[in-house]
N, C-alpha and C. Protein backbone atom coordinates (compact mmCIF):
# COMPACT_ATOMS: atom_id res chain seq x y z
N MET A 1 3.86 8.18 8.22
CA MET A 1 4.88 8.04 9.34
C MET A 1 4.64 9.05 10.36
N VAL A 2 4.25 10.24 9.95
CA VAL A 2 3.99 11.28 10.94
C VAL A 2 2.85 10.91 11.81
N ALA A 3 1.88 10.48 11.15
CA ALA A 3 0.56 10.14 11.89
C ALA A 3 0.81 8.95 12.86
N ALA A 4 1.80 8.09 12.43
CA ALA A 4 2.05 6.95 13.42
C ALA A 4 2.67 7.47 14.69
N LYS A 5 3.40 8.55 14.62
CA LYS A 5 4.02 9.05 15.78
C LYS A 5 3.23 10.14 16.58
N CYS A 6 2.07 10.54 16.03
CA CYS A 6 1.25 11.56 16.63
C CYS A 6 -0.07 10.93 17.10
N SER A 7 -0.59 11.56 18.03
CA SER A 7 -1.88 11.04 18.59
C SER A 7 -3.04 12.04 18.39
N ASP A 8 -2.76 13.18 18.04
CA ASP A 8 -3.78 14.23 17.89
C ASP A 8 -4.47 14.32 16.58
N TRP A 9 -5.12 13.15 16.20
CA TRP A 9 -5.94 13.11 14.95
C TRP A 9 -6.94 12.05 15.10
N ASP A 10 -7.99 12.17 14.22
CA ASP A 10 -9.16 11.25 14.31
C ASP A 10 -9.18 10.28 13.10
N ILE A 11 -9.15 10.92 11.96
CA ILE A 11 -9.21 10.13 10.76
C ILE A 11 -8.17 10.60 9.65
N LEU A 12 -7.42 9.66 9.24
CA LEU A 12 -6.37 9.87 8.10
C LEU A 12 -7.01 9.52 6.81
N LEU A 13 -7.05 10.44 5.88
CA LEU A 13 -7.67 10.21 4.50
C LEU A 13 -6.55 10.11 3.57
N LEU A 14 -6.36 8.95 2.98
CA LEU A 14 -5.37 8.76 1.92
C LEU A 14 -6.05 8.76 0.56
N GLU A 15 -5.48 9.46 -0.40
CA GLU A 15 -6.06 9.41 -1.74
C GLU A 15 -4.87 9.27 -2.82
N VAL A 16 -5.11 8.40 -3.69
CA VAL A 16 -4.13 8.12 -4.66
C VAL A 16 -4.90 8.29 -6.06
N ARG A 17 -4.36 9.01 -7.06
CA ARG A 17 -4.97 9.22 -8.33
C ARG A 17 -4.22 8.49 -9.41
N ASN A 18 -4.99 7.61 -10.20
CA ASN A 18 -4.34 7.00 -11.33
C ASN A 18 -4.23 7.88 -12.43
N LEU A 19 -3.00 8.29 -12.82
CA LEU A 19 -2.83 9.35 -13.78
C LEU A 19 -3.26 8.91 -15.16
N ARG A 20 -3.39 7.59 -15.45
CA ARG A 20 -3.80 7.21 -16.80
C ARG A 20 -5.23 7.15 -16.90
N THR A 21 -5.97 6.72 -15.89
CA THR A 21 -7.43 6.56 -15.88
C THR A 21 -8.18 7.79 -15.27
N GLY A 22 -7.41 8.51 -14.46
CA GLY A 22 -8.07 9.62 -13.77
C GLY A 22 -8.82 9.19 -12.53
N VAL A 23 -8.83 7.91 -12.24
CA VAL A 23 -9.69 7.45 -11.06
C VAL A 23 -8.84 7.66 -9.81
N THR A 24 -9.65 8.20 -8.83
CA THR A 24 -9.03 8.42 -7.54
C THR A 24 -9.48 7.34 -6.53
N HIS A 25 -8.47 6.73 -5.89
CA HIS A 25 -8.75 5.60 -4.85
C HIS A 25 -8.52 6.22 -3.53
N SER A 26 -9.40 6.02 -2.58
CA SER A 26 -9.40 6.67 -1.30
C SER A 26 -9.39 5.59 -0.14
N MET A 27 -8.86 5.84 1.04
CA MET A 27 -8.88 5.00 2.15
C MET A 27 -8.87 5.79 3.38
N GLU A 28 -9.73 5.45 4.34
CA GLU A 28 -9.72 6.14 5.59
C GLU A 28 -9.11 5.26 6.70
N ILE A 29 -8.27 5.76 7.53
CA ILE A 29 -7.64 5.08 8.58
C ILE A 29 -8.05 5.78 9.83
N ARG A 30 -8.66 5.08 10.74
CA ARG A 30 -9.12 5.70 11.97
C ARG A 30 -7.98 5.62 13.15
N ASN A 31 -8.10 6.52 14.00
CA ASN A 31 -7.01 6.53 15.08
C ASN A 31 -7.54 5.52 16.21
N ASP A 32 -7.43 4.23 15.86
CA ASP A 32 -7.68 3.15 16.82
C ASP A 32 -6.58 2.16 16.78
N ASP A 33 -6.76 1.12 17.59
CA ASP A 33 -5.62 0.10 17.62
C ASP A 33 -5.32 -0.41 16.25
N GLU A 34 -6.43 -0.78 15.44
CA GLU A 34 -6.10 -1.29 14.07
C GLU A 34 -5.49 -0.29 13.22
N GLY A 35 -5.95 0.96 13.23
CA GLY A 35 -5.37 1.96 12.35
C GLY A 35 -3.93 2.30 12.75
N ARG A 36 -3.59 2.47 14.06
CA ARG A 36 -2.23 2.78 14.45
C ARG A 36 -1.34 1.54 14.18
N SER A 37 -1.78 0.28 14.25
CA SER A 37 -1.10 -0.91 13.98
C SER A 37 -0.66 -0.91 12.48
N LEU A 38 -1.63 -0.57 11.63
CA LEU A 38 -1.28 -0.44 10.20
C LEU A 38 -0.31 0.62 9.87
N LEU A 39 -0.42 1.81 10.49
CA LEU A 39 0.62 2.83 10.21
C LEU A 39 1.95 2.44 10.82
N GLU A 40 2.07 1.75 11.86
CA GLU A 40 3.28 1.33 12.44
C GLU A 40 3.98 0.32 11.40
N GLN A 41 3.12 -0.56 10.84
CA GLN A 41 3.73 -1.55 9.91
C GLN A 41 4.23 -0.82 8.67
N TRP A 42 3.56 0.21 8.20
CA TRP A 42 3.93 0.93 6.99
C TRP A 42 5.22 1.73 7.33
N SER A 43 5.30 2.29 8.52
CA SER A 43 6.53 3.01 8.93
C SER A 43 7.70 1.99 8.93
N HIS A 44 7.47 0.79 9.45
CA HIS A 44 8.53 -0.17 9.42
C HIS A 44 8.97 -0.54 8.13
N ASP A 45 8.01 -0.73 7.20
CA ASP A 45 8.37 -1.08 5.72
C ASP A 45 9.12 0.09 5.08
N VAL A 46 8.68 1.28 5.36
CA VAL A 46 9.55 2.39 4.76
C VAL A 46 10.89 2.55 5.22
N LEU A 47 11.05 2.38 6.57
CA LEU A 47 12.35 2.43 7.17
C LEU A 47 13.25 1.29 6.77
N LEU A 48 12.70 0.16 6.60
CA LEU A 48 13.47 -1.06 6.16
C LEU A 48 13.89 -0.83 4.70
N ALA A 49 13.06 -0.31 3.82
CA ALA A 49 13.34 -0.07 2.44
C ALA A 49 14.54 0.98 2.38
N ALA A 50 14.40 1.98 3.15
CA ALA A 50 15.35 3.18 3.20
C ALA A 50 16.72 2.66 3.64
N ASP A 51 16.73 1.73 4.66
CA ASP A 51 18.01 1.29 5.30
C ASP A 51 18.67 0.31 4.30
N VAL A 52 17.81 -0.51 3.65
CA VAL A 52 18.32 -1.49 2.61
C VAL A 52 19.01 -0.71 1.46
N ALA A 53 18.27 0.32 1.04
CA ALA A 53 18.82 1.17 -0.13
C ALA A 53 20.09 1.78 0.26
N ARG A 54 20.14 2.35 1.48
CA ARG A 54 21.31 3.03 1.96
C ARG A 54 22.56 2.16 2.07
N GLU A 55 22.28 0.90 2.59
CA GLU A 55 23.34 -0.11 2.67
C GLU A 55 23.85 -0.55 1.30
N ALA A 56 22.88 -0.65 0.33
CA ALA A 56 23.27 -1.10 -0.97
C ALA A 56 24.11 -0.07 -1.66
N LEU A 57 23.94 1.26 -1.42
CA LEU A 57 24.76 2.27 -2.07
C LEU A 57 26.25 2.20 -1.49
N LYS A 58 26.47 1.65 -0.40
CA LYS A 58 27.80 1.50 0.27
C LYS A 58 28.59 0.41 -0.44
N LYS A 59 27.93 -0.51 -1.08
CA LYS A 59 28.61 -1.68 -1.58
C LYS A 59 28.94 -1.58 -3.04
N PRO A 60 30.19 -1.93 -3.44
CA PRO A 60 30.64 -1.81 -4.85
C PRO A 60 29.89 -2.87 -5.83
N ALA A 61 29.40 -4.00 -5.17
CA ALA A 61 28.73 -5.04 -5.96
C ALA A 61 27.59 -5.55 -5.19
N ALA A 62 26.81 -6.41 -5.93
CA ALA A 62 25.66 -6.87 -5.31
C ALA A 62 25.96 -7.92 -4.20
N SER A 63 25.18 -7.96 -3.11
CA SER A 63 25.41 -8.83 -2.01
C SER A 63 24.10 -9.46 -1.62
N PRO A 64 23.72 -10.48 -2.31
CA PRO A 64 22.35 -11.10 -2.10
C PRO A 64 22.12 -11.56 -0.62
N GLY A 65 20.93 -11.36 -0.11
CA GLY A 65 20.71 -11.70 1.30
C GLY A 65 19.39 -11.03 1.72
N ALA A 66 19.34 -10.56 2.93
CA ALA A 66 18.23 -9.95 3.51
C ALA A 66 17.69 -8.70 2.78
N GLY A 67 18.64 -7.92 2.10
CA GLY A 67 18.27 -6.83 1.30
C GLY A 67 17.51 -7.15 0.09
N CYS A 68 17.47 -8.32 -0.36
CA CYS A 68 16.72 -8.77 -1.54
C CYS A 68 15.29 -8.94 -1.21
N ILE A 69 14.78 -9.08 -0.02
CA ILE A 69 13.45 -9.31 0.31
C ILE A 69 12.54 -8.15 -0.05
N GLY A 70 11.55 -8.36 -0.85
CA GLY A 70 10.60 -7.21 -1.24
C GLY A 70 11.07 -6.62 -2.52
N CYS A 71 12.27 -6.97 -3.09
CA CYS A 71 12.61 -6.40 -4.35
C CYS A 71 11.80 -7.05 -5.59
N PRO A 72 11.04 -6.36 -6.30
CA PRO A 72 10.31 -6.93 -7.40
C PRO A 72 11.18 -7.45 -8.56
N PHE A 73 12.40 -7.12 -8.57
CA PHE A 73 13.29 -7.57 -9.63
C PHE A 73 14.18 -8.65 -9.33
N ALA A 74 14.04 -9.26 -8.13
CA ALA A 74 14.99 -10.29 -7.67
C ALA A 74 15.09 -11.33 -8.68
N TYR A 75 14.08 -11.81 -9.27
CA TYR A 75 14.07 -12.92 -10.24
C TYR A 75 14.92 -12.71 -11.45
N ASP A 76 15.20 -11.36 -11.72
CA ASP A 76 15.93 -11.00 -12.92
C ASP A 76 17.38 -10.45 -12.64
N CYS A 77 17.79 -10.76 -11.33
CA CYS A 77 18.98 -10.27 -10.98
C CYS A 77 20.13 -11.49 -10.92
N GLU A 78 21.20 -11.35 -11.69
CA GLU A 78 22.13 -12.43 -11.87
C GLU A 78 22.74 -12.86 -10.57
N ALA A 79 23.08 -11.87 -9.66
CA ALA A 79 23.62 -12.10 -8.33
C ALA A 79 22.72 -12.95 -7.47
N VAL A 80 21.42 -12.58 -7.56
CA VAL A 80 20.48 -13.38 -6.73
C VAL A 80 20.26 -14.81 -7.19
N MET A 81 20.12 -14.84 -8.48
CA MET A 81 19.93 -16.25 -9.07
C MET A 81 21.10 -17.09 -8.79
N SER A 82 22.29 -16.50 -8.83
CA SER A 82 23.50 -17.26 -8.54
C SER A 82 23.49 -17.72 -7.02
N ALA A 83 22.97 -16.77 -6.14
CA ALA A 83 22.99 -17.09 -4.76
C ALA A 83 21.95 -18.24 -4.36
N VAL A 84 20.95 -18.43 -5.31
CA VAL A 84 20.09 -19.58 -5.11
C VAL A 84 20.81 -20.92 -5.11
N GLN A 85 21.97 -20.87 -5.96
CA GLN A 85 22.73 -22.00 -6.07
C GLN A 85 24.00 -22.14 -5.10
N ALA A 86 23.97 -21.21 -4.18
CA ALA A 86 25.03 -21.04 -3.29
C ALA A 86 25.18 -22.40 -2.43
N ASP A 87 26.46 -22.60 -1.93
CA ASP A 87 26.73 -23.75 -1.05
C ASP A 87 26.13 -23.58 0.37
N SER A 88 26.01 -22.24 0.73
CA SER A 88 25.48 -21.94 1.96
C SER A 88 23.91 -22.07 2.01
N ALA A 89 23.38 -22.92 2.78
CA ALA A 89 21.95 -23.03 2.86
C ALA A 89 21.18 -21.80 3.18
N PRO A 90 21.64 -21.05 4.31
CA PRO A 90 21.02 -19.85 4.66
C PRO A 90 20.85 -18.74 3.50
N VAL A 91 22.08 -18.59 2.88
CA VAL A 91 22.11 -17.60 1.74
C VAL A 91 21.16 -18.08 0.65
N ALA A 92 21.22 -19.37 0.33
CA ALA A 92 20.44 -19.77 -0.75
C ALA A 92 18.99 -19.63 -0.41
N TRP A 93 18.54 -19.86 0.72
CA TRP A 93 17.19 -19.80 1.27
C TRP A 93 16.74 -18.40 1.15
N ALA A 94 17.53 -17.50 1.66
CA ALA A 94 17.11 -16.00 1.58
C ALA A 94 17.00 -15.54 0.13
N ALA A 95 17.78 -16.00 -0.76
CA ALA A 95 17.80 -15.65 -2.20
C ALA A 95 16.59 -16.23 -2.88
N ALA A 96 16.30 -17.49 -2.51
CA ALA A 96 15.12 -18.17 -3.09
C ALA A 96 13.83 -17.63 -2.64
N LYS A 97 13.83 -17.20 -1.37
CA LYS A 97 12.58 -16.52 -0.88
C LYS A 97 12.28 -15.27 -1.60
N ALA A 98 13.32 -14.50 -1.88
CA ALA A 98 13.24 -13.15 -2.56
C ALA A 98 12.74 -13.42 -4.01
N VAL A 99 13.34 -14.38 -4.72
CA VAL A 99 12.97 -14.75 -6.04
C VAL A 99 11.47 -15.19 -6.06
N SER A 100 11.05 -16.10 -5.12
CA SER A 100 9.72 -16.61 -5.06
C SER A 100 8.73 -15.43 -4.92
N GLU A 101 8.97 -14.55 -4.00
CA GLU A 101 8.06 -13.43 -3.69
C GLU A 101 7.96 -12.50 -5.01
N SER A 102 9.07 -12.22 -5.62
CA SER A 102 8.98 -11.39 -6.77
C SER A 102 8.33 -12.02 -7.96
N LEU A 103 8.33 -13.28 -8.08
CA LEU A 103 7.70 -13.97 -9.19
C LEU A 103 6.27 -14.25 -8.98
N ARG A 104 5.85 -14.40 -7.71
CA ARG A 104 4.48 -14.76 -7.35
C ARG A 104 3.43 -13.92 -8.07
N PRO A 105 3.59 -12.49 -8.02
CA PRO A 105 2.55 -11.68 -8.66
C PRO A 105 2.39 -11.87 -10.16
N ILE A 106 3.59 -12.02 -10.74
CA ILE A 106 3.66 -12.32 -12.25
C ILE A 106 2.96 -13.61 -12.62
N VAL A 107 3.32 -14.68 -11.87
CA VAL A 107 2.76 -15.92 -12.24
C VAL A 107 1.18 -15.98 -11.93
N GLY A 108 0.84 -15.28 -10.76
CA GLY A 108 -0.53 -15.16 -10.37
C GLY A 108 -1.35 -14.51 -11.45
N LYS A 109 -0.90 -13.45 -11.99
CA LYS A 109 -1.57 -12.71 -13.10
C LYS A 109 -1.70 -13.60 -14.25
N LEU A 110 -0.72 -14.40 -14.70
CA LEU A 110 -0.82 -15.24 -15.81
C LEU A 110 -1.87 -16.39 -15.54
N ALA A 111 -1.87 -16.84 -14.29
CA ALA A 111 -2.75 -18.01 -13.96
C ALA A 111 -4.28 -17.54 -13.92
N LYS A 112 -4.51 -16.23 -13.82
CA LYS A 112 -5.90 -15.79 -13.81
C LYS A 112 -6.52 -15.96 -15.18
N GLU A 113 -5.69 -16.00 -16.23
CA GLU A 113 -6.23 -16.15 -17.60
C GLU A 113 -6.32 -17.69 -17.91
N GLY A 114 -5.93 -18.56 -17.03
CA GLY A 114 -6.00 -20.00 -17.35
C GLY A 114 -4.77 -20.70 -16.85
N PRO A 115 -4.83 -22.01 -16.83
CA PRO A 115 -3.61 -22.85 -16.33
C PRO A 115 -2.39 -22.46 -17.12
N VAL A 116 -1.26 -22.40 -16.33
CA VAL A 116 0.10 -22.10 -16.88
C VAL A 116 0.74 -23.41 -17.03
N ALA A 117 1.13 -23.83 -18.28
CA ALA A 117 1.77 -25.11 -18.40
C ALA A 117 3.29 -25.12 -18.06
N LEU A 118 3.76 -26.15 -17.47
CA LEU A 118 5.15 -26.47 -17.13
C LEU A 118 5.80 -27.47 -17.91
N PRO A 119 7.02 -27.40 -18.22
CA PRO A 119 7.75 -28.23 -19.16
C PRO A 119 7.63 -29.69 -18.82
N ASP A 120 7.41 -30.04 -17.54
CA ASP A 120 7.30 -31.45 -17.11
C ASP A 120 5.96 -32.06 -17.29
N GLY A 121 5.00 -31.25 -17.84
CA GLY A 121 3.64 -31.71 -18.00
C GLY A 121 2.70 -31.20 -16.97
N GLY A 122 3.21 -30.64 -15.90
CA GLY A 122 2.42 -30.08 -14.78
C GLY A 122 1.90 -28.74 -15.23
N HIS A 123 1.19 -28.01 -14.30
CA HIS A 123 0.75 -26.70 -14.64
C HIS A 123 0.53 -25.93 -13.23
N ILE A 124 0.49 -24.60 -13.43
CA ILE A 124 0.13 -23.77 -12.24
C ILE A 124 -1.29 -23.15 -12.50
N ALA A 125 -2.08 -23.34 -11.53
CA ALA A 125 -3.49 -22.79 -11.73
C ALA A 125 -4.12 -22.42 -10.30
N TYR A 126 -5.15 -21.57 -10.38
CA TYR A 126 -5.91 -21.36 -9.23
C TYR A 126 -6.90 -22.52 -9.06
N MET A 127 -6.96 -23.15 -7.91
CA MET A 127 -7.81 -24.26 -7.70
C MET A 127 -8.86 -23.79 -6.62
N GLN A 128 -10.16 -24.29 -7.06
CA GLN A 128 -11.21 -23.97 -6.10
C GLN A 128 -11.20 -25.11 -5.04
N LYS A 129 -11.23 -24.71 -3.76
CA LYS A 129 -11.12 -25.60 -2.74
C LYS A 129 -12.40 -25.34 -1.81
N GLU A 130 -13.05 -26.41 -1.59
CA GLU A 130 -14.24 -26.37 -0.65
C GLU A 130 -13.77 -26.31 0.88
N ARG A 131 -14.34 -25.37 1.52
CA ARG A 131 -14.00 -25.24 2.91
C ARG A 131 -15.24 -25.02 3.78
N ASN A 132 -15.15 -25.49 4.98
CA ASN A 132 -16.20 -25.40 5.92
C ASN A 132 -16.47 -23.90 6.25
N THR A 133 -17.70 -23.50 6.35
CA THR A 133 -18.01 -22.14 6.79
C THR A 133 -19.19 -22.19 7.76
N VAL A 134 -19.40 -21.29 8.60
CA VAL A 134 -20.52 -21.26 9.50
C VAL A 134 -21.68 -20.52 8.88
N THR A 135 -22.90 -20.87 9.32
CA THR A 135 -24.09 -20.17 8.70
C THR A 135 -24.31 -18.90 9.54
N LYS A 136 -25.25 -18.17 9.15
CA LYS A 136 -25.66 -16.95 9.93
C LYS A 136 -26.38 -17.37 11.15
N ASP A 137 -26.90 -18.68 11.15
CA ASP A 137 -27.65 -19.05 12.37
C ASP A 137 -26.74 -19.80 13.40
N ALA A 138 -25.41 -19.91 13.07
CA ALA A 138 -24.54 -20.56 14.02
C ALA A 138 -24.57 -20.06 15.46
N PRO A 139 -24.55 -18.79 15.69
CA PRO A 139 -24.67 -18.29 17.03
C PRO A 139 -25.86 -18.66 17.76
N ARG A 140 -27.08 -18.61 17.08
CA ARG A 140 -28.30 -19.04 17.73
C ARG A 140 -28.33 -20.51 17.92
N CYS A 141 -27.88 -21.32 16.99
CA CYS A 141 -27.89 -22.76 17.08
C CYS A 141 -26.97 -23.15 18.23
N SER A 142 -25.84 -22.52 18.46
CA SER A 142 -24.93 -22.78 19.54
C SER A 142 -25.67 -22.55 20.84
N LEU A 143 -26.34 -21.59 21.00
CA LEU A 143 -27.01 -21.29 22.28
C LEU A 143 -28.15 -22.26 22.45
N ASP A 144 -28.91 -22.64 21.42
CA ASP A 144 -30.01 -23.56 21.59
C ASP A 144 -29.69 -24.95 22.00
N TYR A 145 -28.39 -25.42 21.51
CA TYR A 145 -28.04 -26.73 21.80
C TYR A 145 -27.02 -26.90 22.92
N TRP A 146 -26.57 -25.82 23.50
CA TRP A 146 -25.59 -25.94 24.56
C TRP A 146 -26.33 -26.11 25.79
N GLU A 147 -26.06 -27.26 26.52
CA GLU A 147 -26.63 -27.59 27.78
C GLU A 147 -28.19 -27.51 27.77
N GLY A 148 -28.81 -27.85 26.66
CA GLY A 148 -30.26 -27.84 26.56
C GLY A 148 -30.86 -26.50 26.52
N GLY A 149 -30.05 -25.49 26.32
CA GLY A 149 -30.60 -24.18 26.17
C GLY A 149 -30.81 -23.34 27.56
N GLU A 150 -30.56 -24.07 28.60
CA GLU A 150 -30.65 -23.46 29.95
C GLU A 150 -29.29 -22.94 30.37
N LEU A 151 -29.06 -21.67 30.03
CA LEU A 151 -27.69 -21.15 30.16
C LEU A 151 -27.51 -20.27 31.35
N THR A 152 -26.56 -20.66 32.26
CA THR A 152 -26.12 -19.83 33.31
C THR A 152 -24.87 -19.12 32.86
N ARG A 153 -24.43 -18.20 33.70
CA ARG A 153 -23.16 -17.50 33.26
C ARG A 153 -22.02 -18.49 33.11
N ASP A 154 -21.85 -19.39 33.94
CA ASP A 154 -20.78 -20.46 33.82
C ASP A 154 -20.94 -21.28 32.60
N ALA A 155 -22.16 -21.45 32.22
CA ALA A 155 -22.44 -22.28 31.00
C ALA A 155 -22.02 -21.58 29.74
N VAL A 156 -22.36 -20.20 29.80
CA VAL A 156 -21.93 -19.36 28.62
C VAL A 156 -20.42 -19.35 28.45
N VAL A 157 -19.77 -19.15 29.67
CA VAL A 157 -18.30 -19.11 29.58
C VAL A 157 -17.80 -20.47 29.02
N GLY A 158 -18.32 -21.55 29.49
CA GLY A 158 -18.00 -22.89 29.00
C GLY A 158 -18.09 -23.16 27.50
N MET A 159 -19.30 -22.54 27.07
CA MET A 159 -19.58 -22.62 25.64
C MET A 159 -18.54 -21.87 24.78
N LEU A 160 -18.15 -20.61 25.25
CA LEU A 160 -17.20 -19.84 24.54
C LEU A 160 -15.77 -20.49 24.56
N GLU A 161 -15.42 -21.09 25.71
CA GLU A 161 -14.22 -21.76 25.77
C GLU A 161 -14.17 -23.05 24.81
N ALA A 162 -15.25 -23.71 24.69
CA ALA A 162 -15.40 -24.92 23.86
C ALA A 162 -15.34 -24.40 22.39
N MET A 163 -15.81 -23.28 22.04
CA MET A 163 -15.80 -22.75 20.70
C MET A 163 -14.32 -22.15 20.34
N GLY A 164 -13.52 -22.04 21.29
CA GLY A 164 -12.18 -21.54 20.97
C GLY A 164 -12.06 -20.10 20.51
N VAL A 165 -12.31 -19.18 21.45
CA VAL A 165 -12.23 -17.84 21.17
C VAL A 165 -10.70 -17.36 20.91
N GLY A 166 -10.47 -16.81 19.70
CA GLY A 166 -9.15 -16.42 19.33
C GLY A 166 -9.01 -14.92 19.20
N VAL A 167 -7.83 -14.48 18.65
CA VAL A 167 -7.53 -13.06 18.51
C VAL A 167 -8.54 -12.42 17.54
N THR A 168 -8.91 -13.06 16.49
CA THR A 168 -9.89 -12.44 15.56
C THR A 168 -11.25 -12.23 16.21
N GLN A 169 -11.67 -13.20 16.92
CA GLN A 169 -12.96 -13.08 17.55
C GLN A 169 -13.00 -11.94 18.52
N VAL A 170 -11.94 -11.87 19.38
CA VAL A 170 -11.81 -10.76 20.33
C VAL A 170 -11.83 -9.44 19.63
N LYS A 171 -11.06 -9.32 18.62
CA LYS A 171 -11.01 -7.95 17.90
C LYS A 171 -12.43 -7.66 17.27
N ASN A 172 -13.10 -8.63 16.80
CA ASN A 172 -14.32 -8.43 16.16
C ASN A 172 -15.42 -7.99 17.25
N LEU A 173 -15.30 -8.64 18.39
CA LEU A 173 -16.24 -8.18 19.45
C LEU A 173 -15.92 -6.86 19.95
N ALA A 174 -14.61 -6.48 20.01
CA ALA A 174 -14.23 -5.13 20.38
C ALA A 174 -14.78 -4.11 19.45
N LYS A 175 -14.79 -4.40 18.20
CA LYS A 175 -15.36 -3.46 17.15
C LYS A 175 -16.81 -3.27 17.42
N ALA A 176 -17.49 -4.44 17.74
CA ALA A 176 -18.93 -4.33 17.97
C ALA A 176 -19.22 -3.52 19.29
N LEU A 177 -18.44 -3.70 20.31
CA LEU A 177 -18.62 -3.00 21.60
C LEU A 177 -18.33 -1.51 21.35
N LYS A 178 -17.32 -1.21 20.50
CA LYS A 178 -17.06 0.17 20.16
C LYS A 178 -18.29 0.97 19.62
N LYS A 179 -19.00 0.25 18.82
CA LYS A 179 -20.23 0.83 18.15
C LYS A 179 -21.29 1.09 19.25
N ILE A 180 -21.35 0.24 20.21
CA ILE A 180 -22.35 0.19 21.24
C ILE A 180 -21.97 1.13 22.35
N GLY A 181 -20.76 1.05 22.94
CA GLY A 181 -20.38 1.76 24.06
C GLY A 181 -19.22 2.76 23.88
N GLY A 182 -18.72 2.86 22.72
CA GLY A 182 -17.58 3.81 22.41
C GLY A 182 -16.27 3.24 22.66
N ASP A 183 -15.20 4.08 22.47
CA ASP A 183 -13.85 3.62 22.61
C ASP A 183 -13.48 3.14 23.90
N ALA A 184 -14.02 3.76 24.95
CA ALA A 184 -13.74 3.29 26.41
C ALA A 184 -14.13 1.93 26.67
N ALA A 185 -15.35 1.53 26.18
CA ALA A 185 -15.84 0.18 26.48
C ALA A 185 -15.03 -0.85 25.65
N ALA A 186 -14.70 -0.46 24.40
CA ALA A 186 -13.86 -1.41 23.66
C ALA A 186 -12.45 -1.57 24.21
N GLU A 187 -11.86 -0.45 24.62
CA GLU A 187 -10.39 -0.54 25.26
C GLU A 187 -10.51 -1.27 26.61
N ASP A 188 -11.55 -1.10 27.37
CA ASP A 188 -11.59 -1.76 28.61
C ASP A 188 -11.71 -3.29 28.41
N TYR A 189 -12.59 -3.63 27.45
CA TYR A 189 -12.72 -5.06 27.13
C TYR A 189 -11.38 -5.67 26.66
N LEU A 190 -10.69 -4.97 25.78
CA LEU A 190 -9.42 -5.54 25.23
C LEU A 190 -8.30 -5.58 26.32
N SER A 191 -8.41 -4.71 27.27
CA SER A 191 -7.37 -4.79 28.31
C SER A 191 -7.47 -6.09 29.16
N GLY A 192 -8.60 -6.62 29.20
CA GLY A 192 -8.76 -7.86 29.89
C GLY A 192 -8.72 -9.11 29.05
N ALA A 193 -9.18 -8.96 27.72
CA ALA A 193 -9.31 -10.13 26.83
C ALA A 193 -8.12 -10.32 25.95
N MET A 194 -7.30 -9.32 25.81
CA MET A 194 -6.21 -9.50 24.89
C MET A 194 -4.82 -9.35 25.58
N GLY A 195 -3.90 -10.20 25.32
CA GLY A 195 -2.51 -10.15 26.00
C GLY A 195 -1.59 -10.42 24.90
N LYS A 196 -0.29 -10.58 25.35
CA LYS A 196 0.84 -10.74 24.43
C LYS A 196 1.56 -12.08 24.81
N LYS A 197 2.12 -12.74 23.89
CA LYS A 197 2.91 -13.91 24.15
C LYS A 197 4.02 -13.93 22.94
N THR A 198 5.15 -14.64 23.25
CA THR A 198 6.19 -14.69 22.31
C THR A 198 6.28 -16.09 21.80
N ALA A 199 6.83 -16.22 20.56
CA ALA A 199 6.89 -17.57 19.99
C ALA A 199 8.04 -17.49 19.03
N ALA A 200 8.89 -18.49 18.82
CA ALA A 200 9.94 -18.49 17.90
C ALA A 200 9.44 -18.55 16.47
N GLU A 201 10.10 -17.69 15.58
CA GLU A 201 9.57 -17.73 14.24
C GLU A 201 10.86 -17.50 13.33
N LEU A 202 11.07 -18.33 12.26
CA LEU A 202 12.31 -18.15 11.44
C LEU A 202 12.07 -16.93 10.56
N VAL A 203 12.96 -15.92 10.68
CA VAL A 203 12.88 -14.70 9.84
C VAL A 203 14.24 -14.37 9.25
N ILE A 204 14.14 -13.41 8.46
CA ILE A 204 15.34 -12.79 7.71
C ILE A 204 15.54 -11.37 8.34
N VAL A 205 16.68 -11.15 8.95
CA VAL A 205 16.87 -9.93 9.59
C VAL A 205 17.88 -9.02 8.75
N SER A 206 17.42 -7.74 8.54
CA SER A 206 18.28 -6.77 7.85
C SER A 206 19.44 -6.22 8.70
N LYS A 207 20.62 -6.43 8.27
CA LYS A 207 21.81 -6.08 9.05
C LYS A 207 21.82 -4.66 9.48
N SER A 208 21.35 -3.70 8.55
CA SER A 208 21.53 -2.26 8.90
C SER A 208 20.66 -1.77 9.90
N CYS A 209 19.53 -2.38 10.12
CA CYS A 209 18.61 -1.73 11.14
C CYS A 209 17.98 -2.77 12.05
N GLY A 210 18.22 -3.97 11.84
CA GLY A 210 17.66 -5.07 12.74
C GLY A 210 16.17 -5.28 12.49
N ASN A 211 15.67 -4.68 11.45
CA ASN A 211 14.25 -5.03 10.99
C ASN A 211 14.15 -6.39 10.44
N THR A 212 13.01 -7.00 10.44
CA THR A 212 12.94 -8.39 10.02
C THR A 212 11.89 -8.52 8.94
N GLU A 213 11.99 -9.63 8.23
CA GLU A 213 11.01 -9.96 7.25
C GLU A 213 10.70 -11.49 7.37
């Protein structure tokens, strides 16, 4: 959280030691857009958890809702399970979402060992799904076949538009530019290639701080 608010640092090294196995896990976070975005998200999560806990201490009894999101024990809470049956659709949805998220890691771990049978004869399992993927020759093939291979600047722009350049592609190109021309080149590119837009999204808002999930 401190690093998220400060700018005078290059690399943040995080280390966590497993006390049972003695193994140390490490992670480096660089002071770039991606690193700062990650730290901002973590700060948001910490503040949300703190506000939810603080709000919970003020209440004499459980009050299922936004505060249940992220709780790993929601599935084992009588108040939350009762709220899933609530007459109020918004309350039931918030409670059901909390229960679903808390159960998913448990069910996922069981499914890794094989299909998990359900009473109605169905089961839960990891399914292999075939998806399209591009080959390593895709960029070269795209150049070779676009307008007969005779590429002007406008033709290249047209090809990129036809391929549908998205946020991920822009970020990946910025990373490549950073290696070639440094931070200045990457930031200059992003200033022209990346913008902001707003879109409506259904979220659950924590009353105490206005944070969302």
